[in-house]
mmCIF file of all heavy atoms, coordinates in Angstrom:
data_MODEL
# 
_entry.id   MODEL 
# 
loop_
_atom_site.group_PDB 
_atom_site.id 
_atom_site.type_symbol 
_atom_site.label_atom_id 
_atom_site.label_alt_id 
_atom_site.label_comp_id 
_atom_site.label_asym_id 
_atom_site.label_entity_id 
_atom_site.label_seq_id 
_atom_site.pdbx_PDB_ins_code 
_atom_site.Cartn_x 
_atom_site.Cartn_y 
_atom_site.Cartn_z 
_atom_site.occupancy 
_atom_site.B_iso_or_equiv 
_atom_site.pdbx_formal_charge 
_atom_site.auth_seq_id 
_atom_site.auth_comp_id 
_atom_site.auth_asym_id 
_atom_site.auth_atom_id 
_atom_site.pdbx_PDB_model_num 
ATOM 1   N N   . MET A 1 1  ? -70.369 165.613 -25.917 1.00 0.00 ? 1  MET A N   1 
ATOM 2   C CA  . MET A 1 1  ? -71.082 165.466 -24.645 1.00 0.00 ? 1  MET A CA  1 
ATOM 3   C C   . MET A 1 1  ? -70.183 164.773 -23.629 1.00 0.00 ? 1  MET A C   1 
ATOM 4   O O   . MET A 1 1  ? -69.464 163.837 -23.964 1.00 0.00 ? 1  MET A O   1 
ATOM 5   C CB  . MET A 1 1  ? -72.364 164.629 -24.852 1.00 0.00 ? 1  MET A CB  1 
ATOM 6   C CG  . MET A 1 1  ? -73.163 164.390 -23.578 1.00 0.00 ? 1  MET A CG  1 
ATOM 7   S SD  . MET A 1 1  ? -74.620 163.356 -23.890 1.00 0.00 ? 1  MET A SD  1 
ATOM 8   C CE  . MET A 1 1  ? -75.559 164.445 -24.946 1.00 0.00 ? 1  MET A CE  1 
ATOM 9   N N   . ALA A 1 2  ? -70.231 165.218 -22.396 1.00 0.00 ? 2  ALA A N   1 
ATOM 10  C CA  . ALA A 1 2  ? -69.458 164.593 -21.333 1.00 0.00 ? 2  ALA A CA  1 
ATOM 11  C C   . ALA A 1 2  ? -69.942 163.166 -21.104 1.00 0.00 ? 2  ALA A C   1 
ATOM 12  O O   . ALA A 1 2  ? -71.057 162.796 -21.468 1.00 0.00 ? 2  ALA A O   1 
ATOM 13  C CB  . ALA A 1 2  ? -69.601 165.404 -20.044 1.00 0.00 ? 2  ALA A CB  1 
ATOM 14  N N   . ASP A 1 3  ? -69.088 162.358 -20.493 1.00 0.00 ? 3  ASP A N   1 
ATOM 15  C CA  . ASP A 1 3  ? -69.430 160.976 -20.194 1.00 0.00 ? 3  ASP A CA  1 
ATOM 16  C C   . ASP A 1 3  ? -70.422 160.952 -19.042 1.00 0.00 ? 3  ASP A C   1 
ATOM 17  O O   . ASP A 1 3  ? -70.046 161.012 -17.876 1.00 0.00 ? 3  ASP A O   1 
ATOM 18  C CB  . ASP A 1 3  ? -68.165 160.195 -19.827 1.00 0.00 ? 3  ASP A CB  1 
ATOM 19  C CG  . ASP A 1 3  ? -68.454 158.731 -19.553 1.00 0.00 ? 3  ASP A CG  1 
ATOM 20  O OD1 . ASP A 1 3  ? -69.633 158.337 -19.624 1.00 0.00 ? 3  ASP A OD1 1 
ATOM 21  O OD2 . ASP A 1 3  ? -67.501 158.001 -19.276 1.00 0.00 ? 3  ASP A OD2 1 
ATOM 22  N N   . LEU A 1 4  ? -71.702 160.871 -19.371 1.00 0.00 ? 4  LEU A N   1 
ATOM 23  C CA  . LEU A 1 4  ? -72.721 160.911 -18.333 1.00 0.00 ? 4  LEU A CA  1 
ATOM 24  C C   . LEU A 1 4  ? -72.751 159.632 -17.509 1.00 0.00 ? 4  LEU A C   1 
ATOM 25  O O   . LEU A 1 4  ? -73.397 159.574 -16.485 1.00 0.00 ? 4  LEU A O   1 
ATOM 26  C CB  . LEU A 1 4  ? -74.094 161.188 -18.952 1.00 0.00 ? 4  LEU A CB  1 
ATOM 27  C CG  . LEU A 1 4  ? -74.204 162.548 -19.654 1.00 0.00 ? 4  LEU A CG  1 
ATOM 28  C CD1 . LEU A 1 4  ? -75.587 162.736 -20.227 1.00 0.00 ? 4  LEU A CD1 1 
ATOM 29  C CD2 . LEU A 1 4  ? -73.863 163.680 -18.714 1.00 0.00 ? 4  LEU A CD2 1 
ATOM 30  N N   . GLY A 1 5  ? -72.076 158.608 -17.979 1.00 0.00 ? 5  GLY A N   1 
ATOM 31  C CA  . GLY A 1 5  ? -71.903 157.434 -17.143 1.00 0.00 ? 5  GLY A CA  1 
ATOM 32  C C   . GLY A 1 5  ? -71.107 157.749 -15.894 1.00 0.00 ? 5  GLY A C   1 
ATOM 33  O O   . GLY A 1 5  ? -71.124 157.003 -14.929 1.00 0.00 ? 5  GLY A O   1 
ATOM 34  N N   . GLU A 1 6  ? -70.384 158.869 -15.910 1.00 0.00 ? 6  GLU A N   1 
ATOM 35  C CA  . GLU A 1 6  ? -69.636 159.299 -14.736 1.00 0.00 ? 6  GLU A CA  1 
ATOM 36  C C   . GLU A 1 6  ? -70.435 160.247 -13.850 1.00 0.00 ? 6  GLU A C   1 
ATOM 37  O O   . GLU A 1 6  ? -69.897 160.886 -12.957 1.00 0.00 ? 6  GLU A O   1 
ATOM 38  C CB  . GLU A 1 6  ? -68.331 159.969 -15.164 1.00 0.00 ? 6  GLU A CB  1 
ATOM 39  C CG  . GLU A 1 6  ? -67.385 159.020 -15.874 1.00 0.00 ? 6  GLU A CG  1 
ATOM 40  C CD  . GLU A 1 6  ? -67.031 157.822 -15.029 1.00 0.00 ? 6  GLU A CD  1 
ATOM 41  O OE1 . GLU A 1 6  ? -66.802 157.986 -13.822 1.00 0.00 ? 6  GLU A OE1 1 
ATOM 42  O OE2 . GLU A 1 6  ? -66.999 156.716 -15.576 1.00 0.00 ? 6  GLU A OE2 1 
ATOM 43  N N   . ALA A 1 7  ? -71.751 160.365 -14.147 1.00 0.00 ? 7  ALA A N   1 
ATOM 44  C CA  . ALA A 1 7  ? -72.692 161.080 -13.272 1.00 0.00 ? 7  ALA A CA  1 
ATOM 45  C C   . ALA A 1 7  ? -72.521 162.589 -13.274 1.00 0.00 ? 7  ALA A C   1 
ATOM 46  O O   . ALA A 1 7  ? -72.905 163.263 -12.340 1.00 0.00 ? 7  ALA A O   1 
ATOM 47  C CB  . ALA A 1 7  ? -72.609 160.546 -11.839 1.00 0.00 ? 7  ALA A CB  1 
ATOM 48  N N   . LEU A 1 8  ? -71.895 163.142 -14.334 1.00 0.00 ? 8  LEU A N   1 
ATOM 49  C CA  . LEU A 1 8  ? -71.895 164.587 -14.454 1.00 0.00 ? 8  LEU A CA  1 
ATOM 50  C C   . LEU A 1 8  ? -73.314 165.056 -14.690 1.00 0.00 ? 8  LEU A C   1 
ATOM 51  O O   . LEU A 1 8  ? -74.158 164.317 -15.186 1.00 0.00 ? 8  LEU A O   1 
ATOM 52  C CB  . LEU A 1 8  ? -70.990 165.012 -15.607 1.00 0.00 ? 8  LEU A CB  1 
ATOM 53  C CG  . LEU A 1 8  ? -69.520 164.615 -15.473 1.00 0.00 ? 8  LEU A CG  1 
ATOM 54  C CD1 . LEU A 1 8  ? -68.759 165.055 -16.706 1.00 0.00 ? 8  LEU A CD1 1 
ATOM 55  C CD2 . LEU A 1 8  ? -68.903 165.211 -14.226 1.00 0.00 ? 8  LEU A CD2 1 
ATOM 56  N N   . ALA A 1 9  ? -73.609 166.305 -14.352 1.00 0.00 ? 9  ALA A N   1 
ATOM 57  C CA  . ALA A 1 9  ? -74.977 166.797 -14.463 1.00 0.00 ? 9  ALA A CA  1 
ATOM 58  C C   . ALA A 1 9  ? -75.425 166.786 -15.914 1.00 0.00 ? 9  ALA A C   1 
ATOM 59  O O   . ALA A 1 9  ? -74.808 167.428 -16.769 1.00 0.00 ? 9  ALA A O   1 
ATOM 60  C CB  . ALA A 1 9  ? -75.071 168.196 -13.882 1.00 0.00 ? 9  ALA A CB  1 
ATOM 61  N N   . PRO A 1 10 ? -76.498 166.076 -16.224 1.00 0.00 ? 10 PRO A N   1 
ATOM 62  C CA  . PRO A 1 10 ? -77.017 166.065 -17.585 1.00 0.00 ? 10 PRO A CA  1 
ATOM 63  C C   . PRO A 1 10 ? -77.832 167.319 -17.859 1.00 0.00 ? 10 PRO A C   1 
ATOM 64  O O   . PRO A 1 10 ? -78.212 168.055 -16.942 1.00 0.00 ? 10 PRO A O   1 
ATOM 65  C CB  . PRO A 1 10 ? -77.919 164.826 -17.592 1.00 0.00 ? 10 PRO A CB  1 
ATOM 66  C CG  . PRO A 1 10 ? -78.392 164.732 -16.165 1.00 0.00 ? 10 PRO A CG  1 
ATOM 67  C CD  . PRO A 1 10 ? -77.244 165.211 -15.313 1.00 0.00 ? 10 PRO A CD  1 
ATOM 68  N N   . ALA A 1 11 ? -78.125 167.553 -19.124 1.00 0.00 ? 11 ALA A N   1 
ATOM 69  C CA  . ALA A 1 11 ? -78.995 168.672 -19.488 1.00 0.00 ? 11 ALA A CA  1 
ATOM 70  C C   . ALA A 1 11 ? -80.462 168.296 -19.349 1.00 0.00 ? 11 ALA A C   1 
ATOM 71  O O   . ALA A 1 11 ? -81.276 169.092 -18.873 1.00 0.00 ? 11 ALA A O   1 
ATOM 72  C CB  . ALA A 1 11 ? -78.705 169.124 -20.909 1.00 0.00 ? 11 ALA A CB  1 
ATOM 73  N N   . ARG A 1 12 ? -80.808 167.065 -19.766 1.00 0.00 ? 12 ARG A N   1 
ATOM 74  C CA  . ARG A 1 12 ? -82.195 166.618 -19.737 1.00 0.00 ? 12 ARG A CA  1 
ATOM 75  C C   . ARG A 1 12 ? -82.265 165.174 -19.252 1.00 0.00 ? 12 ARG A C   1 
ATOM 76  O O   . ARG A 1 12 ? -81.445 164.338 -19.658 1.00 0.00 ? 12 ARG A O   1 
ATOM 77  C CB  . ARG A 1 12 ? -82.834 166.721 -21.123 1.00 0.00 ? 12 ARG A CB  1 
ATOM 78  C CG  . ARG A 1 12 ? -83.043 168.143 -21.619 1.00 0.00 ? 12 ARG A CG  1 
ATOM 79  C CD  . ARG A 1 12 ? -83.628 168.160 -23.026 1.00 0.00 ? 12 ARG A CD  1 
ATOM 80  N NE  . ARG A 1 12 ? -82.785 167.435 -23.969 1.00 0.00 ? 12 ARG A NE  1 
ATOM 81  C CZ  . ARG A 1 12 ? -81.689 167.947 -24.532 1.00 0.00 ? 12 ARG A CZ  1 
ATOM 82  N NH1 . ARG A 1 12 ? -81.286 169.178 -24.247 1.00 0.00 ? 12 ARG A NH1 1 
ATOM 83  N NH2 . ARG A 1 12 ? -80.965 167.223 -25.372 1.00 0.00 ? 12 ARG A NH2 1 
ATOM 84  N N   . VAL A 1 13 ? -83.274 164.902 -18.429 1.00 0.00 ? 13 VAL A N   1 
ATOM 85  C CA  . VAL A 1 13 ? -83.491 163.557 -17.880 1.00 0.00 ? 13 VAL A CA  1 
ATOM 86  C C   . VAL A 1 13 ? -84.969 163.228 -17.984 1.00 0.00 ? 13 VAL A C   1 
ATOM 87  O O   . VAL A 1 13 ? -85.823 164.090 -17.722 1.00 0.00 ? 13 VAL A O   1 
ATOM 88  C CB  . VAL A 1 13 ? -83.046 163.475 -16.409 1.00 0.00 ? 13 VAL A CB  1 
ATOM 89  C CG1 . VAL A 1 13 ? -83.381 162.104 -15.811 1.00 0.00 ? 13 VAL A CG1 1 
ATOM 90  C CG2 . VAL A 1 13 ? -81.561 163.770 -16.269 1.00 0.00 ? 13 VAL A CG2 1 
ATOM 91  N N   . LEU A 1 14 ? -85.273 161.985 -18.345 1.00 0.00 ? 14 LEU A N   1 
ATOM 92  C CA  . LEU A 1 14 ? -86.635 161.462 -18.241 1.00 0.00 ? 14 LEU A CA  1 
ATOM 93  C C   . LEU A 1 14 ? -86.617 160.327 -17.242 1.00 0.00 ? 14 LEU A C   1 
ATOM 94  O O   . LEU A 1 14 ? -85.920 159.331 -17.436 1.00 0.00 ? 14 LEU A O   1 
ATOM 95  C CB  . LEU A 1 14 ? -87.147 160.970 -19.592 1.00 0.00 ? 14 LEU A CB  1 
ATOM 96  C CG  . LEU A 1 14 ? -88.541 160.321 -19.568 1.00 0.00 ? 14 LEU A CG  1 
ATOM 97  C CD1 . LEU A 1 14 ? -89.609 161.334 -19.149 1.00 0.00 ? 14 LEU A CD1 1 
ATOM 98  C CD2 . LEU A 1 14 ? -88.885 159.695 -20.915 1.00 0.00 ? 14 LEU A CD2 1 
ATOM 99  N N   . ALA A 1 15 ? -87.368 160.467 -16.159 1.00 0.00 ? 15 ALA A N   1 
ATOM 100 C CA  . ALA A 1 15 ? -87.460 159.445 -15.121 1.00 0.00 ? 15 ALA A CA  1 
ATOM 101 C C   . ALA A 1 15 ? -88.809 158.755 -15.239 1.00 0.00 ? 15 ALA A C   1 
ATOM 102 O O   . ALA A 1 15 ? -89.856 159.402 -15.209 1.00 0.00 ? 15 ALA A O   1 
ATOM 103 C CB  . ALA A 1 15 ? -87.308 160.067 -13.743 1.00 0.00 ? 15 ALA A CB  1 
ATOM 104 N N   . VAL A 1 16 ? -88.777 157.433 -15.369 1.00 0.00 ? 16 VAL A N   1 
ATOM 105 C CA  . VAL A 1 16 ? -89.998 156.644 -15.570 1.00 0.00 ? 16 VAL A CA  1 
ATOM 106 C C   . VAL A 1 16 ? -90.197 155.728 -14.370 1.00 0.00 ? 16 VAL A C   1 
ATOM 107 O O   . VAL A 1 16 ? -89.255 155.105 -13.879 1.00 0.00 ? 16 VAL A O   1 
ATOM 108 C CB  . VAL A 1 16 ? -89.907 155.806 -16.854 1.00 0.00 ? 16 VAL A CB  1 
ATOM 109 C CG1 . VAL A 1 16 ? -91.245 155.120 -17.144 1.00 0.00 ? 16 VAL A CG1 1 
ATOM 110 C CG2 . VAL A 1 16 ? -89.488 156.664 -18.044 1.00 0.00 ? 16 VAL A CG2 1 
ATOM 111 N N   . ALA A 1 17 ? -91.454 155.651 -13.906 1.00 0.00 ? 17 ALA A N   1 
ATOM 112 C CA  . ALA A 1 17 ? -91.777 154.821 -12.741 1.00 0.00 ? 17 ALA A CA  1 
ATOM 113 C C   . ALA A 1 17 ? -93.101 154.122 -12.962 1.00 0.00 ? 17 ALA A C   1 
ATOM 114 O O   . ALA A 1 17 ? -93.949 154.581 -13.739 1.00 0.00 ? 17 ALA A O   1 
ATOM 115 C CB  . ALA A 1 17 ? -91.848 155.671 -11.481 1.00 0.00 ? 17 ALA A CB  1 
ATOM 116 N N   . ALA A 1 18 ? -93.290 153.031 -12.245 1.00 0.00 ? 18 ALA A N   1 
ATOM 117 C CA  . ALA A 1 18 ? -94.566 152.323 -12.299 1.00 0.00 ? 18 ALA A CA  1 
ATOM 118 C C   . ALA A 1 18 ? -95.646 153.077 -11.541 1.00 0.00 ? 18 ALA A C   1 
ATOM 119 O O   . ALA A 1 18 ? -96.776 153.204 -12.010 1.00 0.00 ? 18 ALA A O   1 
ATOM 120 C CB  . ALA A 1 18 ? -94.410 150.915 -11.739 1.00 0.00 ? 18 ALA A CB  1 
ATOM 121 N N   . HIS A 1 19 ? -95.297 153.572 -10.339 1.00 0.00 ? 19 HIS A N   1 
ATOM 122 C CA  . HIS A 1 19 ? -96.287 154.184 -9.449  1.00 0.00 ? 19 HIS A CA  1 
ATOM 123 C C   . HIS A 1 19 ? -95.819 155.553 -8.958  1.00 0.00 ? 19 HIS A C   1 
ATOM 124 O O   . HIS A 1 19 ? -94.606 155.801 -8.891  1.00 0.00 ? 19 HIS A O   1 
ATOM 125 C CB  . HIS A 1 19 ? -96.498 153.303 -8.200  1.00 0.00 ? 19 HIS A CB  1 
ATOM 126 C CG  . HIS A 1 19 ? -96.714 151.864 -8.488  1.00 0.00 ? 19 HIS A CG  1 
ATOM 127 N ND1 . HIS A 1 19 ? -95.747 150.909 -8.238  1.00 0.00 ? 19 HIS A ND1 1 
ATOM 128 C CD2 . HIS A 1 19 ? -97.780 151.217 -9.017  1.00 0.00 ? 19 HIS A CD2 1 
ATOM 129 C CE1 . HIS A 1 19 ? -96.220 149.716 -8.594  1.00 0.00 ? 19 HIS A CE1 1 
ATOM 130 N NE2 . HIS A 1 19 ? -97.444 149.878 -9.070  1.00 0.00 ? 19 HIS A NE2 1 
ATOM 131 N N   . PRO A 1 20 ? -96.750 156.407 -8.571  1.00 0.00 ? 20 PRO A N   1 
ATOM 132 C CA  . PRO A 1 20 ? -96.358 157.589 -7.809  1.00 0.00 ? 20 PRO A CA  1 
ATOM 133 C C   . PRO A 1 20 ? -95.592 157.133 -6.557  1.00 0.00 ? 20 PRO A C   1 
ATOM 134 O O   . PRO A 1 20 ? -96.015 156.174 -5.909  1.00 0.00 ? 20 PRO A O   1 
ATOM 135 C CB  . PRO A 1 20 ? -97.699 158.235 -7.434  1.00 0.00 ? 20 PRO A CB  1 
ATOM 136 C CG  . PRO A 1 20 ? -98.667 157.717 -8.451  1.00 0.00 ? 20 PRO A CG  1 
ATOM 137 C CD  . PRO A 1 20 ? -98.214 156.313 -8.765  1.00 0.00 ? 20 PRO A CD  1 
ATOM 138 N N   . ASP A 1 21 ? -94.522 157.752 -6.252  1.00 0.00 ? 21 ASP A N   1 
ATOM 139 C CA  . ASP A 1 21 ? -93.582 157.573 -5.127  1.00 0.00 ? 21 ASP A CA  1 
ATOM 140 C C   . ASP A 1 21 ? -92.387 156.695 -5.456  1.00 0.00 ? 21 ASP A C   1 
ATOM 141 O O   . ASP A 1 21 ? -91.384 156.702 -4.740  1.00 0.00 ? 21 ASP A O   1 
ATOM 142 C CB  . ASP A 1 21 ? -94.237 157.147 -3.809  1.00 0.00 ? 21 ASP A CB  1 
ATOM 143 C CG  . ASP A 1 21 ? -94.554 155.661 -3.653  1.00 0.00 ? 21 ASP A CG  1 
ATOM 144 O OD1 . ASP A 1 21 ? -94.166 154.825 -4.487  1.00 0.00 ? 21 ASP A OD1 1 
ATOM 145 O OD2 . ASP A 1 21 ? -95.218 155.329 -2.654  1.00 0.00 ? 21 ASP A OD2 1 
ATOM 146 N N   . ASP A 1 22 ? -92.432 155.896 -6.547  1.00 0.00 ? 22 ASP A N   1 
ATOM 147 C CA  . ASP A 1 22 ? -91.291 155.030 -6.876  1.00 0.00 ? 22 ASP A CA  1 
ATOM 148 C C   . ASP A 1 22 ? -90.018 155.844 -7.126  1.00 0.00 ? 22 ASP A C   1 
ATOM 149 O O   . ASP A 1 22 ? -88.940 155.493 -6.635  1.00 0.00 ? 22 ASP A O   1 
ATOM 150 C CB  . ASP A 1 22 ? -91.592 154.192 -8.120  1.00 0.00 ? 22 ASP A CB  1 
ATOM 151 C CG  . ASP A 1 22 ? -92.612 153.089 -7.880  1.00 0.00 ? 22 ASP A CG  1 
ATOM 152 O OD1 . ASP A 1 22 ? -92.767 152.665 -6.721  1.00 0.00 ? 22 ASP A OD1 1 
ATOM 153 O OD2 . ASP A 1 22 ? -93.240 152.656 -8.859  1.00 0.00 ? 22 ASP A OD2 1 
ATOM 154 N N   . ILE A 1 23 ? -90.137 156.914 -7.895  1.00 0.00 ? 23 ILE A N   1 
ATOM 155 C CA  . ILE A 1 23 ? -88.965 157.745 -8.184  1.00 0.00 ? 23 ILE A CA  1 
ATOM 156 C C   . ILE A 1 23 ? -88.417 158.352 -6.904  1.00 0.00 ? 23 ILE A C   1 
ATOM 157 O O   . ILE A 1 23 ? -87.191 158.450 -6.720  1.00 0.00 ? 23 ILE A O   1 
ATOM 158 C CB  . ILE A 1 23 ? -89.316 158.852 -9.192  1.00 0.00 ? 23 ILE A CB  1 
ATOM 159 C CG1 . ILE A 1 23 ? -89.659 158.253 -10.561 1.00 0.00 ? 23 ILE A CG1 1 
ATOM 160 C CG2 . ILE A 1 23 ? -88.154 159.843 -9.345  1.00 0.00 ? 23 ILE A CG2 1 
ATOM 161 C CD1 . ILE A 1 23 ? -90.242 159.252 -11.542 1.00 0.00 ? 23 ILE A CD1 1 
ATOM 162 N N   . ASP A 1 24 ? -89.305 158.756 -6.007  1.00 0.00 ? 24 ASP A N   1 
ATOM 163 C CA  . ASP A 1 24 ? -88.864 159.433 -4.786  1.00 0.00 ? 24 ASP A CA  1 
ATOM 164 C C   . ASP A 1 24 ? -88.074 158.491 -3.886  1.00 0.00 ? 24 ASP A C   1 
ATOM 165 O O   . ASP A 1 24 ? -87.070 158.882 -3.302  1.00 0.00 ? 24 ASP A O   1 
ATOM 166 C CB  . ASP A 1 24 ? -90.082 160.018 -4.073  1.00 0.00 ? 24 ASP A CB  1 
ATOM 167 C CG  . ASP A 1 24 ? -90.811 160.986 -4.985  1.00 0.00 ? 24 ASP A CG  1 
ATOM 168 O OD1 . ASP A 1 24 ? -90.239 162.041 -5.289  1.00 0.00 ? 24 ASP A OD1 1 
ATOM 169 O OD2 . ASP A 1 24 ? -91.923 160.665 -5.439  1.00 0.00 ? 24 ASP A OD2 1 
# 
């Protein structure tokens, strides 16, 4: 796997937030 710490496009991401709009 590429070094995703260097911000290359990942295959899968899970984004977690407290509230609607936080991620945005």
